[in-house]
Amino acid sequence: MRTGTLLDGPAIVARPTVVALLAIAVALAPGCGSSRDAATSSGSPAPQVAGGAGDAVGGGEEPAAVGGEAPATASPSFISDQNRREVVLFFQEKDTEYLGPEKRKIFLTASAADQAKQIVVELVNGPQDSGLLPTMPRETRVRGLYLDRFGTAFVDLSGEVVTTHLGGAAEEIATIFSLVNSLTYNLPEIKRVHLLVDGEEREVLLHLDLRRDYRQDLSIVDMDGERSG
């Protein structure tokens, strides 16, 4: 895996802090209707939040499998074909250093943040194709997801993403870019991704910098399977 290229290339965008944006996310949580009304009346689109048990996201739509922390050990989350859309997830290929695609279906809800959280849940659940490998520990829980008006998705994962991670530069890059590419490829509203652990910004995953935003990088994706073997 080309670690140096990925860490220094345009896929990574530096940001000074996320404290102010997280404060907005708290203000938009259930029970803070006045802040949400103020954001709407200002003429700018209100940021979207997906997370918290029982939180109805996207105009009252509330898929039971997405609200709250989703255990990574759950079977593929969405079974009915009604009101669903197809998405492409990216997992580690078993025989190469590339990420490989796998199609999955999620609920077609009005909120991009809610759809993004469903995508992250499915990533944690892991691949169904025997030729692909998981990119996140199955013990990981999705604590929440916040999408700001500038197109940055803040993904809050539980500490198990660190404590039970296999480690290694290639594995860390697979973790980060399976998440980033899966979100940005399927949701044009998301331009970049910032990872939080247990609700806080962390300096590194194990070695890879988590103080930065990450942009899509499809150069490490084997979209048509021609790079395998």
C-alpha atoms as a PDB file:
ATOM      1  CA  MET A   1       0.000   0.000   0.000  1.00  0.00           C
ATOM      2  CA  ARG A   2       1.402   3.398  -0.971  1.00  0.00           C
ATOM      3  CA  THR A   3       1.368   4.907   2.520  1.00  0.00           C
ATOM      4  CA  GLY A   4       3.460   7.963   1.759  1.00  0.00           C
ATOM      5  CA  THR A   5       1.359   9.000  -1.239  1.00  0.00           C
ATOM      6  CA  LEU A   6      -1.903   8.661   0.623  1.00  0.00           C
ATOM      7  CA  LEU A   7      -0.785  10.585   3.679  1.00  0.00           C
ATOM      8  CA  ASP A   8       0.764  13.463   1.716  1.00  0.00           C
ATOM      9  CA  GLY A   9      -1.603  13.675  -1.266  1.00  0.00           C
ATOM     10  CA  PRO A  10      -4.687  15.809  -1.898  1.00  0.00           C
ATOM     11  CA  ALA A  11      -6.955  13.236  -0.265  1.00  0.00           C
ATOM     12  CA  ILE A  12      -6.126  14.789   3.132  1.00  0.00           C
ATOM     13  CA  VAL A  13      -7.264  18.271   4.147  1.00  0.00           C
ATOM     14  CA  ALA A  14      -6.019  19.918   7.337  1.00  0.00           C
ATOM     15  CA  ARG A  15      -8.552  21.514   9.707  1.00  0.00           C
ATOM     16  CA  PRO A  16      -7.789  23.489  12.851  1.00  0.00           C
ATOM     17  CA  THR A  17     -10.508  22.192  15.210  1.00  0.00           C
ATOM     18  CA  VAL A  18     -13.933  20.576  15.410  1.00  0.00           C
ATOM     19  CA  VAL A  19     -14.953  21.935  18.825  1.00  0.00           C
ATOM     20  CA  ALA A  20     -17.257  24.607  17.402  1.00  0.00           C
ATOM     21  CA  LEU A  21     -18.946  22.156  15.033  1.00  0.00           C
ATOM     22  CA  LEU A  22     -19.467  19.625  17.795  1.00  0.00           C
ATOM     23  CA  ALA A  23     -21.108  22.367  19.858  1.00  0.00           C
ATOM     24  CA  ILE A  24     -23.539  22.875  16.982  1.00  0.00           C
ATOM     25  CA  ALA A  25     -24.208  19.133  16.889  1.00  0.00           C
ATOM     26  CA  VAL A  26     -25.108  19.168  20.599  1.00  0.00           C
ATOM     27  CA  ALA A  27     -27.396  22.147  20.075  1.00  0.00           C
ATOM     28  CA  LEU A  28     -29.211  20.269  17.303  1.00  0.00           C
ATOM     29  CA  ALA A  29     -29.805  17.152  19.411  1.00  0.00           C
ATOM     30  CA  PRO A  30     -33.409  16.200  20.366  1.00  0.00           C
ATOM     31  CA  GLY A  31     -34.908  18.682  22.800  1.00  0.00           C
ATOM     32  CA  CYS A  32     -33.077  21.671  21.326  1.00  0.00           C
ATOM     33  CA  GLY A  33     -35.748  22.808  18.914  1.00  0.00           C
ATOM     34  CA  SER A  34     -35.015  26.501  19.312  1.00  0.00           C
ATOM     35  CA  SER A  35     -31.497  26.127  17.886  1.00  0.00           C
ATOM     36  CA  ARG A  36     -32.769  24.159  14.946  1.00  0.00           C
ATOM     37  CA  ASP A  37     -35.442  26.778  14.231  1.00  0.00           C
ATOM     38  CA  ALA A  38     -32.849  29.535  14.383  1.00  0.00           C
ATOM     39  CA  ALA A  39     -30.617  27.746  11.887  1.00  0.00           C
ATOM     40  CA  THR A  40     -33.512  27.313   9.493  1.00  0.00           C
ATOM     41  CA  SER A  41     -34.719  30.905   9.726  1.00  0.00           C
ATOM     42  CA  SER A  42     -31.239  32.223   8.892  1.00  0.00           C
ATOM     43  CA  GLY A  43     -31.644  31.101   5.294  1.00  0.00           C
ATOM     44  CA  SER A  44     -28.803  28.525   5.434  1.00  0.00           C
ATOM     45  CA  PRO A  45     -29.472  24.774   5.356  1.00  0.00           C
ATOM     46  CA  ALA A  46     -29.334  23.347   8.875  1.00  0.00           C
ATOM     47  CA  PRO A  47     -26.607  20.776   9.612  1.00  0.00           C
ATOM     48  CA  GLN A  48     -27.794  17.178   9.851  1.00  0.00           C
ATOM     49  CA  VAL A  49     -27.249  14.846  12.769  1.00  0.00           C
ATOM     50  CA  ALA A  50     -27.703  11.079  12.860  1.00  0.00           C
ATOM     51  CA  GLY A  51     -27.171   9.499  16.246  1.00  0.00           C
ATOM     52  CA  GLY A  52     -28.621   9.011  19.698  1.00  0.00           C
ATOM     53  CA  ALA A  53     -31.179   6.411  20.650  1.00  0.00           C
ATOM     54  CA  GLY A  54     -34.637   7.213  19.353  1.00  0.00           C
ATOM     55  CA  ASP A  55     -33.479  10.310  17.462  1.00  0.00           C
ATOM     56  CA  ALA A  56     -35.737  10.831  14.463  1.00  0.00           C
ATOM     57  CA  VAL A  57     -33.564  12.031  11.584  1.00  0.00           C
ATOM     58  CA  GLY A  58     -34.588  13.508   8.256  1.00  0.00           C
ATOM     59  CA  GLY A  59     -38.088  14.839   8.782  1.00  0.00           C
ATOM     60  CA  GLY A  60     -39.283  12.161  11.176  1.00  0.00           C
ATOM     61  CA  GLU A  61     -38.076   9.070   9.338  1.00  0.00           C
ATOM     62  CA  GLU A  62     -36.744   6.653  11.905  1.00  0.00           C
ATOM     63  CA  PRO A  63     -35.260   3.326  10.760  1.00  0.00           C
ATOM     64  CA  ALA A  64     -35.031   1.211  13.892  1.00  0.00           C
ATOM     65  CA  ALA A  65     -31.744  -0.353  12.822  1.00  0.00           C
ATOM     66  CA  VAL A  66     -29.949   3.003  12.672  1.00  0.00           C
ATOM     67  CA  GLY A  67     -30.986   4.968  15.764  1.00  0.00           C
ATOM     68  CA  GLY A  68     -28.546   4.633  18.650  1.00  0.00           C
ATOM     69  CA  GLU A  69     -25.342   2.646  18.810  1.00  0.00           C
ATOM     70  CA  ALA A  70     -25.445  -0.264  16.373  1.00  0.00           C
ATOM     71  CA  PRO A  71     -23.572  -3.415  17.422  1.00  0.00           C
ATOM     72  CA  ALA A  72     -21.089  -4.426  14.771  1.00  0.00           C
ATOM     73  CA  THR A  73     -22.008  -8.071  15.271  1.00  0.00           C
ATOM     74  CA  ALA A  74     -25.477  -7.536  13.823  1.00  0.00           C
ATOM     75  CA  SER A  75     -26.370  -9.310  10.597  1.00  0.00           C
ATOM     76  CA  PRO A  76     -26.797  -7.100   7.475  1.00  0.00           C
ATOM     77  CA  SER A  77     -29.093  -4.439   8.770  1.00  0.00           C
ATOM     78  CA  PHE A  78     -31.815  -3.978   6.185  1.00  0.00           C
ATOM     79  CA  ILE A  79     -33.873  -6.811   4.738  1.00  0.00           C
ATOM     80  CA  SER A  80     -37.005  -5.388   3.101  1.00  0.00           C
ATOM     81  CA  ASP A  81     -36.743  -4.075  -0.477  1.00  0.00           C
ATOM     82  CA  GLN A  82     -39.320  -1.360   0.157  1.00  0.00           C
ATOM     83  CA  ASN A  83     -38.007   2.220   0.218  1.00  0.00           C
ATOM     84  CA  ARG A  84     -34.403   1.174  -0.152  1.00  0.00           C
ATOM     85  CA  ARG A  85     -31.476   2.279  -2.311  1.00  0.00           C
ATOM     86  CA  GLU A  86     -28.367   0.487  -3.456  1.00  0.00           C
ATOM     87  CA  VAL A  87     -24.980   1.705  -2.250  1.00  0.00           C
ATOM     88  CA  VAL A  88     -21.407   0.577  -2.901  1.00  0.00           C
ATOM     89  CA  LEU A  89     -19.218  -0.218   0.092  1.00  0.00           C
ATOM     90  CA  PHE A  90     -15.442  -0.589  -0.063  1.00  0.00           C
ATOM     91  CA  PHE A  91     -13.604  -3.323   1.819  1.00  0.00           C
ATOM     92  CA  GLN A  92     -10.044  -4.662   1.739  1.00  0.00           C
ATOM     93  CA  GLU A  93      -9.424  -7.172  -1.053  1.00  0.00           C
ATOM     94  CA  LYS A  94      -8.144 -10.487   0.262  1.00  0.00           C
ATOM     95  CA  ASP A  95      -5.357 -10.954  -2.293  1.00  0.00           C
ATOM     96  CA  THR A  96      -4.290  -7.358  -3.040  1.00  0.00           C
ATOM     97  CA  GLU A  97      -3.591  -4.097  -1.256  1.00  0.00           C
ATOM     98  CA  TYR A  98      -6.589  -2.439  -2.946  1.00  0.00           C
ATOM     99  CA  LEU A  99     -10.099  -1.816  -1.720  1.00  0.00           C
ATOM    100  CA  GLY A 100     -12.820  -3.746  -3.527  1.00  0.00           C
ATOM    101  CA  PRO A 101     -16.503  -2.787  -3.973  1.00  0.00           C
ATOM    102  CA  GLU A 102     -19.514  -4.611  -2.604  1.00  0.00           C
ATOM    103  CA  LYS A 103     -23.126  -3.586  -3.198  1.00  0.00           C
ATOM    104  CA  ARG A 104     -25.515  -3.277  -0.284  1.00  0.00           C
ATOM    105  CA  LYS A 105     -28.970  -1.781   0.287  1.00  0.00           C
ATOM    106  CA  ILE A 106     -29.957   0.803   2.880  1.00  0.00           C
ATOM    107  CA  PHE A 107     -33.151   2.681   3.691  1.00  0.00           C
ATOM    108  CA  LEU A 108     -33.819   5.605   1.355  1.00  0.00           C
ATOM    109  CA  THR A 109     -34.443   8.290   3.976  1.00  0.00           C
ATOM    110  CA  ALA A 110     -34.641  12.043   3.404  1.00  0.00           C
ATOM    111  CA  SER A 111     -31.581  12.804   5.534  1.00  0.00           C
ATOM    112  CA  ALA A 112     -28.112  12.381   4.024  1.00  0.00           C
ATOM    113  CA  ALA A 113     -26.710  12.099   7.561  1.00  0.00           C
ATOM    114  CA  ASP A 114     -29.041   9.200   8.302  1.00  0.00           C
ATOM    115  CA  GLN A 115     -28.097   7.388   5.092  1.00  0.00           C
ATOM    116  CA  ALA A 116     -24.429   8.008   5.925  1.00  0.00           C
ATOM    117  CA  LYS A 117     -24.840   6.382   9.320  1.00  0.00           C
ATOM    118  CA  GLN A 118     -26.477   3.359   7.722  1.00  0.00           C
ATOM    119  CA  ILE A 119     -23.474   3.060   5.389  1.00  0.00           C
ATOM    120  CA  VAL A 120     -21.058   3.143   8.342  1.00  0.00           C
ATOM    121  CA  VAL A 121     -23.108   0.493  10.169  1.00  0.00           C
ATOM    122  CA  GLU A 122     -22.876  -1.761   7.113  1.00  0.00           C
ATOM    123  CA  LEU A 123     -19.117  -1.191   6.896  1.00  0.00           C
ATOM    124  CA  VAL A 124     -18.736  -2.302  10.504  1.00  0.00           C
ATOM    125  CA  ASN A 125     -20.899  -5.356   9.819  1.00  0.00           C
ATOM    126  CA  GLY A 126     -18.241  -6.389   7.308  1.00  0.00           C
ATOM    127  CA  PRO A 127     -18.271  -7.839   3.795  1.00  0.00           C
ATOM    128  CA  GLN A 128     -20.425 -10.696   2.534  1.00  0.00           C
ATOM    129  CA  ASP A 129     -18.079 -11.515  -0.357  1.00  0.00           C
ATOM    130  CA  SER A 130     -15.486 -14.130   0.641  1.00  0.00           C
ATOM    131  CA  GLY A 131     -12.895 -12.311  -1.466  1.00  0.00           C
ATOM    132  CA  LEU A 132     -13.090  -9.219   0.746  1.00  0.00           C
ATOM    133  CA  LEU A 133     -11.881  -8.550   4.291  1.00  0.00           C
ATOM    134  CA  PRO A 134     -13.294  -6.308   7.043  1.00  0.00           C
ATOM    135  CA  THR A 135     -11.692  -2.901   7.475  1.00  0.00           C
ATOM    136  CA  MET A 136     -13.000  -2.188  10.983  1.00  0.00           C
ATOM    137  CA  PRO A 137     -13.094  -4.321  14.127  1.00  0.00           C
ATOM    138  CA  ARG A 138     -16.482  -5.979  14.485  1.00  0.00           C
ATOM    139  CA  GLU A 139     -16.665  -4.785  18.097  1.00  0.00           C
ATOM    140  CA  THR A 140     -16.851  -1.178  16.885  1.00  0.00           C
ATOM    141  CA  ARG A 141     -20.089   0.713  17.570  1.00  0.00           C
ATOM    142  CA  VAL A 142     -21.365   3.671  15.568  1.00  0.00           C
ATOM    143  CA  ARG A 143     -22.072   6.323  18.209  1.00  0.00           C
ATOM    144  CA  GLY A 144     -23.290   9.028  15.852  1.00  0.00           C
ATOM    145  CA  LEU A 145     -22.723  10.966  12.666  1.00  0.00           C
ATOM    146  CA  TYR A 146     -22.921  14.713  12.065  1.00  0.00           C
ATOM    147  CA  LEU A 147     -22.891  16.385   8.638  1.00  0.00           C
ATOM    148  CA  ASP A 148     -22.133  20.100   8.565  1.00  0.00           C
ATOM    149  CA  ARG A 149     -23.292  22.555   5.902  1.00  0.00           C
ATOM    150  CA  PHE A 150     -19.835  22.606   4.305  1.00  0.00           C
ATOM    151  CA  GLY A 151     -19.961  18.892   3.426  1.00  0.00           C
ATOM    152  CA  THR A 152     -17.827  17.477   6.242  1.00  0.00           C
ATOM    153  CA  ALA A 153     -19.118  14.284   7.850  1.00  0.00           C
ATOM    154  CA  PHE A 154     -17.995  13.801  11.459  1.00  0.00           C
ATOM    155  CA  VAL A 155     -18.173  10.074  12.176  1.00  0.00           C
ATOM    156  CA  ASP A 156     -18.128   9.141  15.877  1.00  0.00           C
ATOM    157  CA  LEU A 157     -17.008   5.565  16.526  1.00  0.00           C
ATOM    158  CA  SER A 158     -16.538   3.759  19.820  1.00  0.00           C
ATOM    159  CA  GLY A 159     -13.090   3.154  21.300  1.00  0.00           C
ATOM    160  CA  GLU A 160     -13.016  -0.421  20.033  1.00  0.00           C
ATOM    161  CA  VAL A 161     -12.018   0.922  16.608  1.00  0.00           C
ATOM    162  CA  VAL A 162      -8.671   1.665  18.296  1.00  0.00           C
ATOM    163  CA  THR A 163      -8.325  -0.910  21.069  1.00  0.00           C
ATOM    164  CA  THR A 164      -9.197  -3.937  18.917  1.00  0.00           C
ATOM    165  CA  HIS A 165      -7.637  -2.714  15.666  1.00  0.00           C
ATOM    166  CA  LEU A 166      -5.097  -5.076  14.087  1.00  0.00           C
ATOM    167  CA  GLY A 167      -2.676  -2.221  13.502  1.00  0.00           C
ATOM    168  CA  GLY A 168      -0.227  -1.755  10.679  1.00  0.00           C
ATOM    169  CA  ALA A 169      -0.017   1.141   8.231  1.00  0.00           C
ATOM    170  CA  ALA A 170      -1.808  -0.681   5.407  1.00  0.00           C
ATOM    171  CA  GLU A 171      -4.635  -1.783   7.699  1.00  0.00           C
ATOM    172  CA  GLU A 172      -5.090   1.733   9.070  1.00  0.00           C
ATOM    173  CA  ILE A 173      -5.218   3.204   5.569  1.00  0.00           C
ATOM    174  CA  ALA A 174      -7.823   0.572   4.615  1.00  0.00           C
ATOM    175  CA  THR A 175      -9.905   1.530   7.670  1.00  0.00           C
ATOM    176  CA  ILE A 176      -9.825   5.249   6.904  1.00  0.00           C
ATOM    177  CA  PHE A 177     -10.368   5.070   3.156  1.00  0.00           C
ATOM    178  CA  SER A 178     -13.023   2.345   3.218  1.00  0.00           C
ATOM    179  CA  LEU A 179     -14.968   4.784   5.387  1.00  0.00           C
ATOM    180  CA  VAL A 180     -14.145   7.919   3.393  1.00  0.00           C
ATOM    181  CA  ASN A 181     -14.681   6.383  -0.047  1.00  0.00           C
ATOM    182  CA  SER A 182     -17.905   4.600   0.931  1.00  0.00           C
ATOM    183  CA  LEU A 183     -19.441   7.842   2.219  1.00  0.00           C
ATOM    184  CA  THR A 184     -18.251  10.211  -0.514  1.00  0.00           C
ATOM    185  CA  TYR A 185     -18.924   7.791  -3.384  1.00  0.00           C
ATOM    186  CA  ASN A 186     -22.558   7.246  -2.420  1.00  0.00           C
ATOM    187  CA  LEU A 187     -23.494  10.650  -1.012  1.00  0.00           C
ATOM    188  CA  PRO A 188     -22.485  13.727  -3.055  1.00  0.00           C
ATOM    189  CA  GLU A 189     -23.419  15.891  -0.062  1.00  0.00           C
ATOM    190  CA  ILE A 190     -20.304  14.558   1.708  1.00  0.00           C
ATOM    191  CA  LYS A 191     -17.047  16.087   0.477  1.00  0.00           C
ATOM    192  CA  ARG A 192     -14.728  15.031   3.300  1.00  0.00           C
ATOM    193  CA  VAL A 193     -14.743  12.882   6.447  1.00  0.00           C
ATOM    194  CA  HIS A 194     -13.428  13.514   9.966  1.00  0.00           C
ATOM    195  CA  LEU A 195     -13.195  10.605  12.408  1.00  0.00           C
ATOM    196  CA  LEU A 196     -13.955  10.975  16.119  1.00  0.00           C
ATOM    197  CA  VAL A 197     -13.426   8.292  18.768  1.00  0.00           C
ATOM    198  CA  ASP A 198     -15.775   8.147  21.764  1.00  0.00           C
ATOM    199  CA  GLY A 199     -17.025  11.627  20.922  1.00  0.00           C
ATOM    200  CA  GLU A 200     -13.604  13.260  20.931  1.00  0.00           C
ATOM    201  CA  GLU A 201     -10.977  14.245  18.424  1.00  0.00           C
ATOM    202  CA  ARG A 202      -7.959  11.938  18.593  1.00  0.00           C
ATOM    203  CA  GLU A 203      -4.434  12.657  17.371  1.00  0.00           C
ATOM    204  CA  VAL A 204      -3.946   9.285  15.642  1.00  0.00           C
ATOM    205  CA  LEU A 205      -5.798   6.045  15.002  1.00  0.00           C
ATOM    206  CA  LEU A 206      -2.688   4.073  15.870  1.00  0.00           C
ATOM    207  CA  HIS A 207      -0.278   5.876  13.581  1.00  0.00           C
ATOM    208  CA  LEU A 208      -2.449   7.627  10.996  1.00  0.00           C
ATOM    209  CA  ASP A 209      -3.318  11.270  11.720  1.00  0.00           C
ATOM    210  CA  LEU A 210      -6.936  11.774  12.822  1.00  0.00           C
ATOM    211  CA  ARG A 211      -6.695  15.543  13.314  1.00  0.00           C
ATOM    212  CA  ARG A 212      -7.305  15.989   9.587  1.00  0.00           C
ATOM    213  CA  ASP A 213     -10.239  15.654   7.239  1.00  0.00           C
ATOM    214  CA  TYR A 214      -9.896  13.014   4.519  1.00  0.00           C
ATOM    215  CA  ARG A 215     -11.106  13.328   0.950  1.00  0.00           C
ATOM    216  CA  GLN A 216     -12.087  10.594  -1.484  1.00  0.00           C
ATOM    217  CA  ASP A 217      -9.229   8.626  -3.068  1.00  0.00           C
ATOM    218  CA  LEU A 218     -10.386   6.083  -5.648  1.00  0.00           C
ATOM    219  CA  SER A 219      -6.825   5.390  -6.815  1.00  0.00           C
ATOM    220  CA  ILE A 220      -6.653   2.647  -4.186  1.00  0.00           C
ATOM    221  CA  VAL A 221      -9.945   1.050  -5.306  1.00  0.00           C
ATOM    222  CA  ASP A 222     -10.107  -1.994  -7.608  1.00  0.00           C
ATOM    223  CA  MET A 223     -13.514  -1.081  -8.975  1.00  0.00           C
ATOM    224  CA  ASP A 224     -13.684  -3.653 -11.794  1.00  0.00           C
ATOM    225  CA  GLY A 225     -11.545  -6.428 -10.279  1.00  0.00           C
ATOM    226  CA  GLU A 226      -8.804  -6.092 -12.894  1.00  0.00           C
ATOM    227  CA  ARG A 227      -6.084  -5.526 -10.278  1.00  0.00           C
ATOM    228  CA  SER A 228      -6.699  -8.763  -8.400  1.00  0.00           C
ATOM    229  CA  GLY A 229      -4.488 -11.758  -8.996  1.00  0.00           C
END
